[in-house]
Amino acid sequence: MHRGPIGLREIDYPPNPAEWVAAFKAQLEKAVIDCLPAAGNPALMLSGGLDSGPAAAVAAHWLKAEGRNLEIISWYIDAVPQASEWKWIKHLNRHIGAKLHPVRADDFLPFSDVGPEMIDADSPAYNPFRPLALACYRRAAALGSKVLINASSGDFLYPHPRFALHDALRRKQLIVSARILKARTHRYGILGLNRDPALRYLGSRLFPPRRQASLPGWLTNAARESIPVAGNWPPEAQEHPYPEYITQLFGPRAASAIARENRFSERFGLQRRDPYTDFDLLKLMVNMPHSISNGIGTTKWVMREAMRGILPEDFRTKPRTGILSEFFWHGYQANLPAIRELLSASDDWQKWVRKDYLDQVLGQNRPETQDGLLVGKCIGYTLWRQKLRAQRGVNSVV
C-alpha cells in the first residue's frame, strides 16, 4: 500500500470510550469532506441507514456552509413495503435540508437485466441490484453532478460480534467481559449459551478444531481438482488477532471491487467516492476495542454515539430497517424465466457447477439463500464469458 504499513499492531489510543468516539467522529468528518469535490454540487446515494445517513448529514452541513447543495439520490419500493426505507429517507432529508431526487425501484428490480452490460470485463461478479445502481448513477449525472458519494463500505467497518468476548479478554477488560457474558446469557439463556457465536469463537481459539472446512456439494469434480490452496490476503492480516477482520477491511474487496464499481459509474461521467474506505478511518477501526465499535447489545455503537446532535434522535437510535432480502427475492421470482433461459442456453458455468444441482435450484420459486446467490454467480460467469468472447471478436476484426 502506498500509504505505508497498515499498522496492525495496537497503538497507544486512549482507553476512554468518549475519546474513542471523538476520534471516530473527527476521522469520519474528515473522510466525508475529503470525498467532496472542490466545486459543484455532488450527489449522494441515501439508503436510510447508519452508513449513508451520517455521510449525508456531514456532507450537507459542510456544503451548506460553502453555499452549495447536496443532491440526494434515493429509491422507494412500493412492491415490497417492508424493504423500503422511504419514511426514514424523507425524515433525514428534511433534517439536513438537502435536495431529494427519488428513483422508483420497482422499475429496476433485481435480476431485471441479465445482459453483458451488467458485468465488467475484469470480473465475473454479478450484482443483482445493478439495474437500480445504474439508474441512480444516471439520475445523478442528469443533475450535473460529477462526484457521487456512496457509503456501501460502511458495514465492513465493524468486526463480527463473535470476536467481542475474546477481544475484551485479551485486552484484560474484565468488567466489559462480564457485561458481554451477562448480555449473551440474557439473550440465549444459560442452557443456550452453546449457540452464542461469541462463546463458540472463544472456544475455537482455546481448542482449535481439527476438522477442515468441506467444499460445497454443488462443485463439479473438475472444479474440486482446480481449486488452489491459497492463504489469506493481505498476508499482513496474520499479524492481527483477527485475520478475517483485516481481510474484510483491506482484502480483495478493498483492492479491486471498489475500483471495479467505479468503472460502472464512469459510464455516466461520475466519480464514485466512499468515505468508509478512508485509510486513516480503517486504521482507527483496526485498533478500536470491539466493545466500542459495535457496543454491547447494540450495533454500530461508536457511530450512534458520534452522531448525537447530528442525526435526528429517532434515526440515530433506530434498529436496522429496510433489509433488502425480500426485494431480492421479489426480483428473482419476477425474472426467473429470463434467468432460466440464459443459463439453459449456456454451458460455461457447467464446468464449475453441477448441472443437476442448479437445475434443481432453478426449479424452485424461492430456493435457499445460498443457492440463490449461487444462481447469481452462474449468471455472472455466463455474462462474463459472453463479454470476453465478444471483445475477442471485435479485436480480431480490428
Protein backbone atom coordinates (compact mmCIF):
# COMPACT_ATOMS: atom_id res chain seq x y z
CA MET A 1 0.00 0.00 0.00
CA HIS A 2 1.36 3.36 -0.99
CA ARG A 3 0.40 4.90 2.36
CA GLY A 4 2.92 2.67 4.14
CA PRO A 5 2.36 -0.11 6.68
CA ILE A 6 -1.21 -0.68 7.79
CA GLY A 7 -0.15 -0.67 11.44
CA LEU A 8 -1.97 -3.77 12.54
CA ARG A 9 -0.47 -3.96 15.99
CA GLU A 10 -2.25 -1.98 18.66
CA ILE A 11 -1.05 1.55 19.17
CA ASP A 12 -1.49 3.92 22.06
CA TYR A 13 -5.07 5.12 21.79
CA PRO A 14 -6.93 6.50 24.83
CA PRO A 15 -8.92 3.90 26.77
CA ASN A 16 -11.77 6.31 27.49
CA PRO A 17 -14.83 5.45 25.33
CA ALA A 18 -15.69 9.15 24.93
CA GLU A 19 -12.25 9.82 23.48
CA TRP A 20 -12.64 6.93 21.05
CA VAL A 21 -15.97 8.36 19.93
CA ALA A 22 -14.41 11.80 19.47
CA ALA A 23 -11.55 10.33 17.44
CA PHE A 24 -14.01 8.38 15.28
CA LYS A 25 -16.23 11.43 14.73
CA ALA A 26 -13.29 13.59 13.69
CA GLN A 27 -11.93 10.98 11.30
CA LEU A 28 -15.36 10.30 9.79
CA GLU A 29 -15.96 14.01 9.16
CA LYS A 30 -12.55 14.31 7.52
CA ALA A 31 -13.23 11.23 5.37
CA VAL A 32 -16.57 12.65 4.15
CA ILE A 33 -15.13 16.12 3.48
CA ASP A 34 -12.25 14.57 1.52
CA CYS A 35 -14.85 12.95 -0.76
CA LEU A 36 -16.43 16.28 -1.70
CA PRO A 37 -15.41 17.94 -4.97
CA ALA A 38 -13.76 21.36 -4.96
CA ALA A 39 -16.66 22.86 -6.92
CA GLY A 40 -20.19 21.96 -7.97
CA ASN A 41 -22.93 20.01 -6.22
CA PRO A 42 -22.11 16.36 -5.52
CA ALA A 43 -24.72 13.62 -5.32
CA LEU A 44 -25.10 11.04 -2.57
CA MET A 45 -26.94 7.72 -2.62
CA LEU A 46 -29.01 7.66 0.58
CA SER A 47 -30.45 4.34 1.70
CA GLY A 48 -31.77 5.46 5.07
CA GLY A 49 -29.30 3.55 7.25
CA LEU A 50 -26.47 4.36 9.65
CA ASP A 51 -23.81 4.47 6.93
CA SER A 52 -25.21 6.73 4.22
CA GLY A 53 -27.22 8.75 6.77
CA PRO A 54 -24.21 10.10 8.72
CA ALA A 55 -22.31 10.72 5.47
CA ALA A 56 -25.26 12.73 4.13
CA ALA A 57 -25.56 14.79 7.33
CA VAL A 58 -21.85 15.69 7.40
CA ALA A 59 -21.70 16.43 3.66
CA ALA A 60 -24.86 18.58 3.65
CA HIS A 61 -23.62 20.64 6.61
CA TRP A 62 -20.24 21.28 5.02
CA LEU A 63 -21.65 22.14 1.58
CA LYS A 64 -24.29 24.46 3.02
CA ALA A 65 -21.52 26.49 4.69
CA GLU A 66 -19.97 26.93 1.22
CA GLY A 67 -23.23 27.87 -0.46
CA ARG A 68 -23.51 24.55 -2.28
CA ASN A 69 -26.13 21.80 -2.26
CA LEU A 70 -26.10 18.06 -1.77
CA GLU A 71 -28.18 16.14 -4.33
CA ILE A 72 -29.74 13.14 -2.59
CA ILE A 73 -30.47 10.14 -4.82
CA SER A 74 -32.78 7.68 -3.08
CA TRP A 75 -35.18 4.95 -4.04
CA TYR A 76 -38.62 3.91 -2.84
CA ILE A 77 -40.08 0.42 -3.13
CA ASP A 78 -43.85 0.01 -3.49
CA ALA A 79 -43.95 -3.71 -4.29
CA VAL A 80 -42.14 -4.78 -1.09
CA PRO A 81 -43.01 -2.20 1.61
CA GLN A 82 -41.02 -3.98 4.33
CA ALA A 83 -37.84 -3.41 2.31
CA SER A 84 -38.43 0.30 1.83
CA GLU A 85 -36.77 2.97 3.96
CA TRP A 86 -38.53 5.83 2.23
CA LYS A 87 -40.03 7.11 5.51
CA TRP A 88 -36.57 7.39 7.08
CA ILE A 89 -35.05 8.85 3.91
CA LYS A 90 -37.60 11.68 3.81
CA HIS A 91 -37.24 12.24 7.55
CA LEU A 92 -33.46 12.61 7.38
CA ASN A 93 -33.60 14.72 4.24
CA ARG A 94 -35.92 17.22 5.93
CA HIS A 95 -33.48 17.37 8.83
CA ILE A 96 -30.38 18.09 6.74
CA GLY A 97 -32.12 20.30 4.14
CA ALA A 98 -30.73 18.62 1.02
CA LYS A 99 -32.42 18.17 -2.36
CA LEU A 100 -34.14 14.79 -2.69
CA HIS A 101 -34.41 13.06 -6.07
CA PRO A 102 -36.44 9.82 -5.91
CA VAL A 103 -35.98 6.74 -8.07
CA ARG A 104 -38.79 4.18 -8.32
CA ALA A 105 -37.03 0.92 -7.52
CA ASP A 106 -39.92 -1.19 -8.84
CA ASP A 107 -38.84 -0.17 -12.35
CA PHE A 108 -35.36 -1.62 -11.73
CA LEU A 109 -35.91 -4.93 -9.97
CA PRO A 110 -33.03 -7.21 -9.00
CA PHE A 111 -32.17 -9.60 -11.88
CA SER A 112 -34.25 -7.47 -14.29
CA ASP A 113 -31.27 -7.19 -16.64
CA VAL A 114 -29.18 -10.27 -17.36
CA GLY A 115 -27.25 -8.78 -20.27
CA PRO A 116 -23.47 -8.42 -20.68
CA GLU A 117 -23.57 -4.72 -19.77
CA MET A 118 -24.27 -5.76 -16.19
CA ILE A 119 -20.72 -7.18 -15.99
CA ASP A 120 -17.30 -5.57 -16.01
CA ALA A 121 -14.79 -7.33 -18.26
CA ASP A 122 -12.36 -7.52 -15.35
CA SER A 123 -14.51 -9.87 -13.25
CA PRO A 124 -17.45 -12.29 -13.43
CA ALA A 125 -19.01 -10.74 -10.31
CA TYR A 126 -22.72 -10.09 -10.91
CA ASN A 127 -24.71 -7.71 -8.74
CA PRO A 128 -28.46 -8.45 -8.95
CA PHE A 129 -29.11 -4.85 -7.84
CA ARG A 130 -27.06 -3.47 -10.74
CA PRO A 131 -30.12 -2.10 -12.65
CA LEU A 132 -31.08 0.07 -9.66
CA ALA A 133 -27.49 1.22 -9.10
CA LEU A 134 -27.16 2.27 -12.74
CA ALA A 135 -30.47 4.13 -12.54
CA CYS A 136 -29.11 6.11 -9.58
CA TYR A 137 -25.89 6.89 -11.46
CA ARG A 138 -27.91 8.03 -14.46
CA ARG A 139 -30.07 10.30 -12.28
CA ALA A 140 -27.02 11.87 -10.61
CA ALA A 141 -25.38 12.54 -13.96
CA ALA A 142 -28.57 14.17 -15.27
CA LEU A 143 -28.37 16.62 -12.36
CA GLY A 144 -24.91 17.69 -13.48
CA SER A 145 -23.02 16.08 -10.58
CA LYS A 146 -19.50 14.90 -11.29
CA VAL A 147 -18.97 13.18 -7.94
CA LEU A 148 -21.30 10.66 -6.33
CA ILE A 149 -20.81 9.63 -2.70
CA ASN A 150 -21.75 6.06 -1.87
CA ALA A 151 -21.49 4.53 1.60
CA SER A 152 -21.73 0.85 0.67
CA SER A 153 -18.48 0.03 2.50
CA GLY A 154 -19.87 1.22 5.83
CA ASP A 155 -20.96 -2.20 7.08
CA PHE A 156 -17.44 -3.53 6.58
CA LEU A 157 -16.02 -1.12 9.17
CA TYR A 158 -17.29 -3.20 12.06
CA PRO A 159 -15.87 -6.51 13.29
CA HIS A 160 -18.13 -9.52 13.61
CA PRO A 161 -19.78 -9.68 17.07
CA ARG A 162 -18.37 -13.17 17.60
CA PHE A 163 -14.96 -11.60 18.30
CA ALA A 164 -16.26 -9.36 21.09
CA LEU A 165 -15.69 -11.56 24.14
CA HIS A 166 -12.25 -12.74 23.03
CA ASP A 167 -11.24 -9.15 22.25
CA ALA A 168 -12.32 -7.93 25.70
CA LEU A 169 -10.45 -10.75 27.43
CA ARG A 170 -7.22 -10.24 25.50
CA ARG A 171 -7.34 -6.53 26.38
CA LYS A 172 -7.85 -7.51 30.05
CA GLN A 173 -11.19 -5.68 30.14
CA LEU A 174 -12.74 -7.85 32.84
CA ILE A 175 -15.74 -5.61 33.52
CA VAL A 176 -16.50 -5.41 29.80
CA SER A 177 -16.13 -9.20 29.53
CA ALA A 178 -18.62 -9.67 32.39
CA ARG A 179 -21.09 -7.31 30.70
CA ILE A 180 -20.80 -9.25 27.44
CA LEU A 181 -21.42 -12.55 29.23
CA LYS A 182 -24.44 -11.05 31.00
CA ALA A 183 -25.87 -9.77 27.71
CA ARG A 184 -25.30 -13.10 25.97
CA THR A 185 -26.89 -15.02 28.86
CA HIS A 186 -29.91 -12.73 28.74
CA ARG A 187 -30.27 -13.40 25.01
CA TYR A 188 -29.62 -17.15 24.85
CA GLY A 189 -30.29 -18.32 28.41
CA ILE A 190 -27.90 -20.43 30.46
CA LEU A 191 -28.73 -23.60 28.57
CA GLY A 192 -28.46 -21.91 25.20
CA LEU A 193 -25.02 -20.35 25.58
CA ASN A 194 -23.52 -23.08 23.42
CA ARG A 195 -25.32 -21.39 20.50
CA ASP A 196 -23.75 -17.99 21.17
CA PRO A 197 -21.28 -17.09 18.37
CA ALA A 198 -19.01 -15.16 20.77
CA LEU A 199 -18.62 -18.11 23.14
CA ARG A 200 -18.24 -20.57 20.27
CA TYR A 201 -15.49 -18.42 18.79
CA LEU A 202 -13.74 -18.21 22.17
CA GLY A 203 -13.89 -21.99 22.41
CA SER A 204 -12.41 -22.36 18.94
CA ARG A 205 -9.46 -20.18 19.96
CA LEU A 206 -8.87 -22.22 23.12
CA PHE A 207 -9.41 -25.57 21.40
CA PRO A 208 -8.78 -25.18 17.64
CA PRO A 209 -10.93 -27.62 15.65
CA ARG A 210 -9.15 -30.33 13.73
CA ARG A 211 -11.86 -30.72 11.13
CA GLN A 212 -11.24 -28.79 7.92
CA ALA A 213 -13.99 -26.96 6.08
CA SER A 214 -15.65 -29.09 3.44
CA LEU A 215 -16.20 -27.98 -0.14
CA PRO A 216 -19.76 -27.17 -1.26
CA GLY A 217 -21.72 -30.01 -2.77
CA TRP A 218 -22.53 -28.14 -5.99
CA LEU A 219 -18.92 -28.14 -7.22
CA THR A 220 -18.12 -30.41 -10.14
CA ASN A 221 -15.24 -32.89 -9.87
CA ALA A 222 -13.19 -30.76 -12.28
CA ALA A 223 -13.78 -27.71 -10.09
CA ARG A 224 -12.67 -29.57 -6.97
CA GLU A 225 -9.42 -30.53 -8.66
CA SER A 226 -8.82 -26.98 -9.89
CA ILE A 227 -9.23 -25.14 -6.59
CA PRO A 228 -5.80 -23.84 -5.50
CA VAL A 229 -4.63 -23.73 -1.93
CA ALA A 230 -4.45 -20.04 -1.09
CA GLY A 231 -3.70 -18.20 2.12
CA ASN A 232 -5.40 -15.11 3.46
CA TRP A 233 -4.73 -11.85 1.67
CA PRO A 234 -3.18 -9.49 2.51
CA PRO A 235 -0.52 -11.66 4.22
CA GLU A 236 -0.07 -8.97 6.90
CA ALA A 237 -3.50 -9.96 8.18
CA GLN A 238 -1.91 -12.85 10.04
CA GLU A 239 -0.19 -10.37 12.34
CA HIS A 240 -3.54 -9.31 13.79
CA PRO A 241 -5.57 -11.32 16.32
CA TYR A 242 -8.49 -11.37 13.86
CA PRO A 243 -7.17 -12.00 10.32
CA GLU A 244 -10.72 -12.26 8.98
CA TYR A 245 -11.41 -8.69 10.08
CA ILE A 246 -8.27 -7.37 8.40
CA THR A 247 -9.19 -9.19 5.19
CA GLN A 248 -12.65 -7.61 5.49
CA LEU A 249 -11.09 -4.14 5.62
CA PHE A 250 -8.07 -4.44 3.35
CA GLY A 251 -8.60 -7.64 1.34
CA PRO A 252 -9.79 -8.31 -2.22
CA ARG A 253 -12.97 -6.25 -1.86
CA ALA A 254 -10.98 -3.13 -0.99
CA ALA A 255 -8.24 -3.94 -3.50
CA SER A 256 -10.39 -4.48 -6.59
CA ALA A 257 -14.16 -4.44 -6.07
CA ILE A 258 -14.32 -0.71 -5.30
CA ALA A 259 -12.25 0.20 -8.34
CA ARG A 260 -14.40 -2.09 -10.48
CA GLU A 261 -17.57 -0.33 -9.31
CA ASN A 262 -16.06 2.97 -10.38
CA ARG A 263 -15.97 1.72 -13.95
CA PHE A 264 -19.76 1.45 -13.87
CA SER A 265 -20.22 5.00 -12.54
CA GLU A 266 -17.68 6.32 -15.06
CA ARG A 267 -20.05 5.27 -17.84
CA PHE A 268 -22.09 8.30 -16.76
CA GLY A 269 -19.17 10.65 -16.19
CA LEU A 270 -19.35 10.17 -12.41
CA GLN A 271 -16.53 9.62 -9.96
CA ARG A 272 -17.82 7.39 -7.18
CA ARG A 273 -16.31 8.01 -3.75
CA ASP A 274 -16.81 6.13 -0.49
CA PRO A 275 -15.77 7.77 2.82
CA TYR A 276 -15.71 4.38 4.52
CA THR A 277 -12.64 3.36 2.55
CA ASP A 278 -10.56 6.16 4.07
CA PHE A 279 -7.20 4.71 5.13
CA ASP A 280 -6.95 6.56 8.45
CA LEU A 281 -10.53 5.67 9.36
CA LEU A 282 -9.84 1.98 8.68
CA LYS A 283 -6.64 2.15 10.73
CA LEU A 284 -8.61 3.63 13.65
CA MET A 285 -11.16 0.82 13.44
CA VAL A 286 -8.44 -1.85 13.38
CA ASN A 287 -7.22 -0.68 16.76
CA MET A 288 -10.56 0.17 18.36
CA PRO A 289 -11.87 -2.18 21.08
CA HIS A 290 -14.78 -4.16 19.73
CA SER A 291 -16.89 -3.22 22.74
CA ILE A 292 -16.70 0.37 21.48
CA SER A 293 -17.02 -0.12 17.72
CA ASN A 294 -20.01 -2.46 17.97
CA GLY A 295 -21.04 -1.92 21.58
CA ILE A 296 -22.66 -4.47 23.87
CA GLY A 297 -26.19 -5.42 22.97
CA THR A 298 -26.38 -2.93 20.10
CA THR A 299 -24.85 -2.40 16.65
CA LYS A 300 -22.53 0.33 15.35
CA TRP A 301 -22.30 1.83 18.82
CA VAL A 302 -19.46 4.21 18.02
CA MET A 303 -21.36 5.65 15.04
CA ARG A 304 -24.54 6.10 17.07
CA GLU A 305 -22.61 7.96 19.77
CA ALA A 306 -20.70 10.09 17.25
CA MET A 307 -23.97 11.18 15.65
CA ARG A 308 -25.54 12.60 18.82
CA GLY A 309 -26.92 16.02 17.93
CA ILE A 310 -26.19 15.50 14.22
CA LEU A 311 -28.85 12.95 13.24
CA PRO A 312 -32.47 13.07 14.43
CA GLU A 313 -32.64 11.12 17.69
CA ASP A 314 -35.16 8.56 16.41
CA PHE A 315 -32.99 7.99 13.32
CA ARG A 316 -29.81 7.69 15.40
CA THR A 317 -31.28 5.05 17.72
CA LYS A 318 -33.43 3.07 15.31
CA PRO A 319 -32.72 -0.62 14.67
CA ARG A 320 -31.74 -1.76 11.24
CA THR A 321 -34.57 -1.21 8.76
CA GLY A 322 -35.20 -1.73 5.06
CA ILE A 323 -33.47 -5.10 4.74
CA LEU A 324 -33.41 -5.82 1.01
CA SER A 325 -33.66 -9.62 1.10
CA GLU A 326 -37.39 -9.59 0.27
CA PHE A 327 -36.77 -7.14 -2.57
CA PHE A 328 -34.04 -9.50 -3.83
CA TRP A 329 -36.46 -12.44 -3.92
CA HIS A 330 -39.23 -10.35 -5.46
CA GLY A 331 -36.92 -9.53 -8.36
CA TYR A 332 -35.65 -13.10 -8.56
CA GLN A 333 -39.14 -14.55 -8.86
CA ALA A 334 -40.29 -11.90 -11.35
CA ASN A 335 -37.31 -12.60 -13.63
CA LEU A 336 -36.90 -16.34 -13.12
CA PRO A 337 -38.00 -17.21 -16.70
CA ALA A 338 -35.24 -14.98 -18.15
CA ILE A 339 -32.70 -16.43 -15.72
CA ARG A 340 -33.62 -19.99 -16.72
CA GLU A 341 -33.41 -19.09 -20.41
CA LEU A 342 -29.95 -17.54 -20.03
CA LEU A 343 -28.44 -20.41 -18.05
CA SER A 344 -30.07 -23.23 -20.03
CA ALA A 345 -28.58 -21.78 -23.24
CA SER A 346 -25.04 -21.77 -21.83
CA ASP A 347 -22.66 -24.48 -20.74
CA ASP A 348 -19.96 -22.07 -19.50
CA TRP A 349 -20.96 -22.41 -15.84
CA GLN A 350 -21.29 -26.19 -16.08
CA LYS A 351 -17.53 -26.65 -15.83
CA TRP A 352 -17.71 -25.49 -12.23
CA VAL A 353 -21.27 -26.12 -11.04
CA ARG A 354 -23.11 -29.44 -11.26
CA LYS A 355 -25.91 -29.14 -13.81
CA ASP A 356 -28.26 -31.40 -11.88
CA TYR A 357 -27.80 -29.29 -8.76
CA LEU A 358 -28.52 -25.96 -10.49
CA ASP A 359 -31.44 -27.42 -12.43
CA GLN A 360 -32.98 -28.40 -9.11
CA VAL A 361 -32.38 -24.89 -7.71
CA LEU A 362 -33.90 -23.24 -10.79
CA GLY A 363 -36.96 -25.44 -10.39
CA GLN A 364 -37.77 -23.74 -7.11
CA ASN A 365 -39.56 -20.42 -6.84
CA ARG A 366 -37.56 -19.45 -3.75
CA PRO A 367 -34.53 -21.65 -3.03
CA GLU A 368 -32.26 -21.38 0.00
CA THR A 369 -30.39 -18.08 0.24
CA GLN A 370 -27.01 -19.60 -0.59
CA ASP A 371 -28.49 -21.30 -3.65
CA GLY A 372 -29.99 -18.01 -4.79
CA LEU A 373 -26.54 -16.44 -4.53
CA LEU A 374 -25.13 -19.37 -6.49
CA VAL A 375 -27.56 -18.58 -9.31
CA GLY A 376 -26.18 -15.04 -9.33
CA LYS A 377 -22.62 -16.39 -9.61
CA CYS A 378 -23.61 -18.56 -12.57
CA ILE A 379 -25.28 -15.58 -14.25
CA GLY A 380 -22.16 -13.52 -13.72
CA TYR A 381 -19.82 -16.16 -15.10
CA THR A 382 -22.04 -16.72 -18.14
CA LEU A 383 -22.25 -12.99 -18.93
CA TRP A 384 -18.53 -12.56 -18.35
CA ARG A 385 -17.67 -15.30 -20.83
CA GLN A 386 -20.07 -13.78 -23.35
CA LYS A 387 -18.45 -10.38 -22.90
CA LEU A 388 -14.92 -11.75 -23.32
CA ARG A 389 -15.88 -13.65 -26.47
CA ALA A 390 -17.48 -10.53 -27.93
CA GLN A 391 -14.38 -8.46 -27.18
CA ARG A 392 -12.10 -11.05 -28.75
CA GLY A 393 -14.30 -10.99 -31.84
CA VAL A 394 -14.06 -7.20 -32.11
CA ASN A 395 -10.30 -7.28 -31.60
CA SER A 396 -9.83 -9.96 -34.23
CA VAL A 397 -11.81 -7.90 -36.75
CA VAL A 398 -9.74 -4.80 -35.96
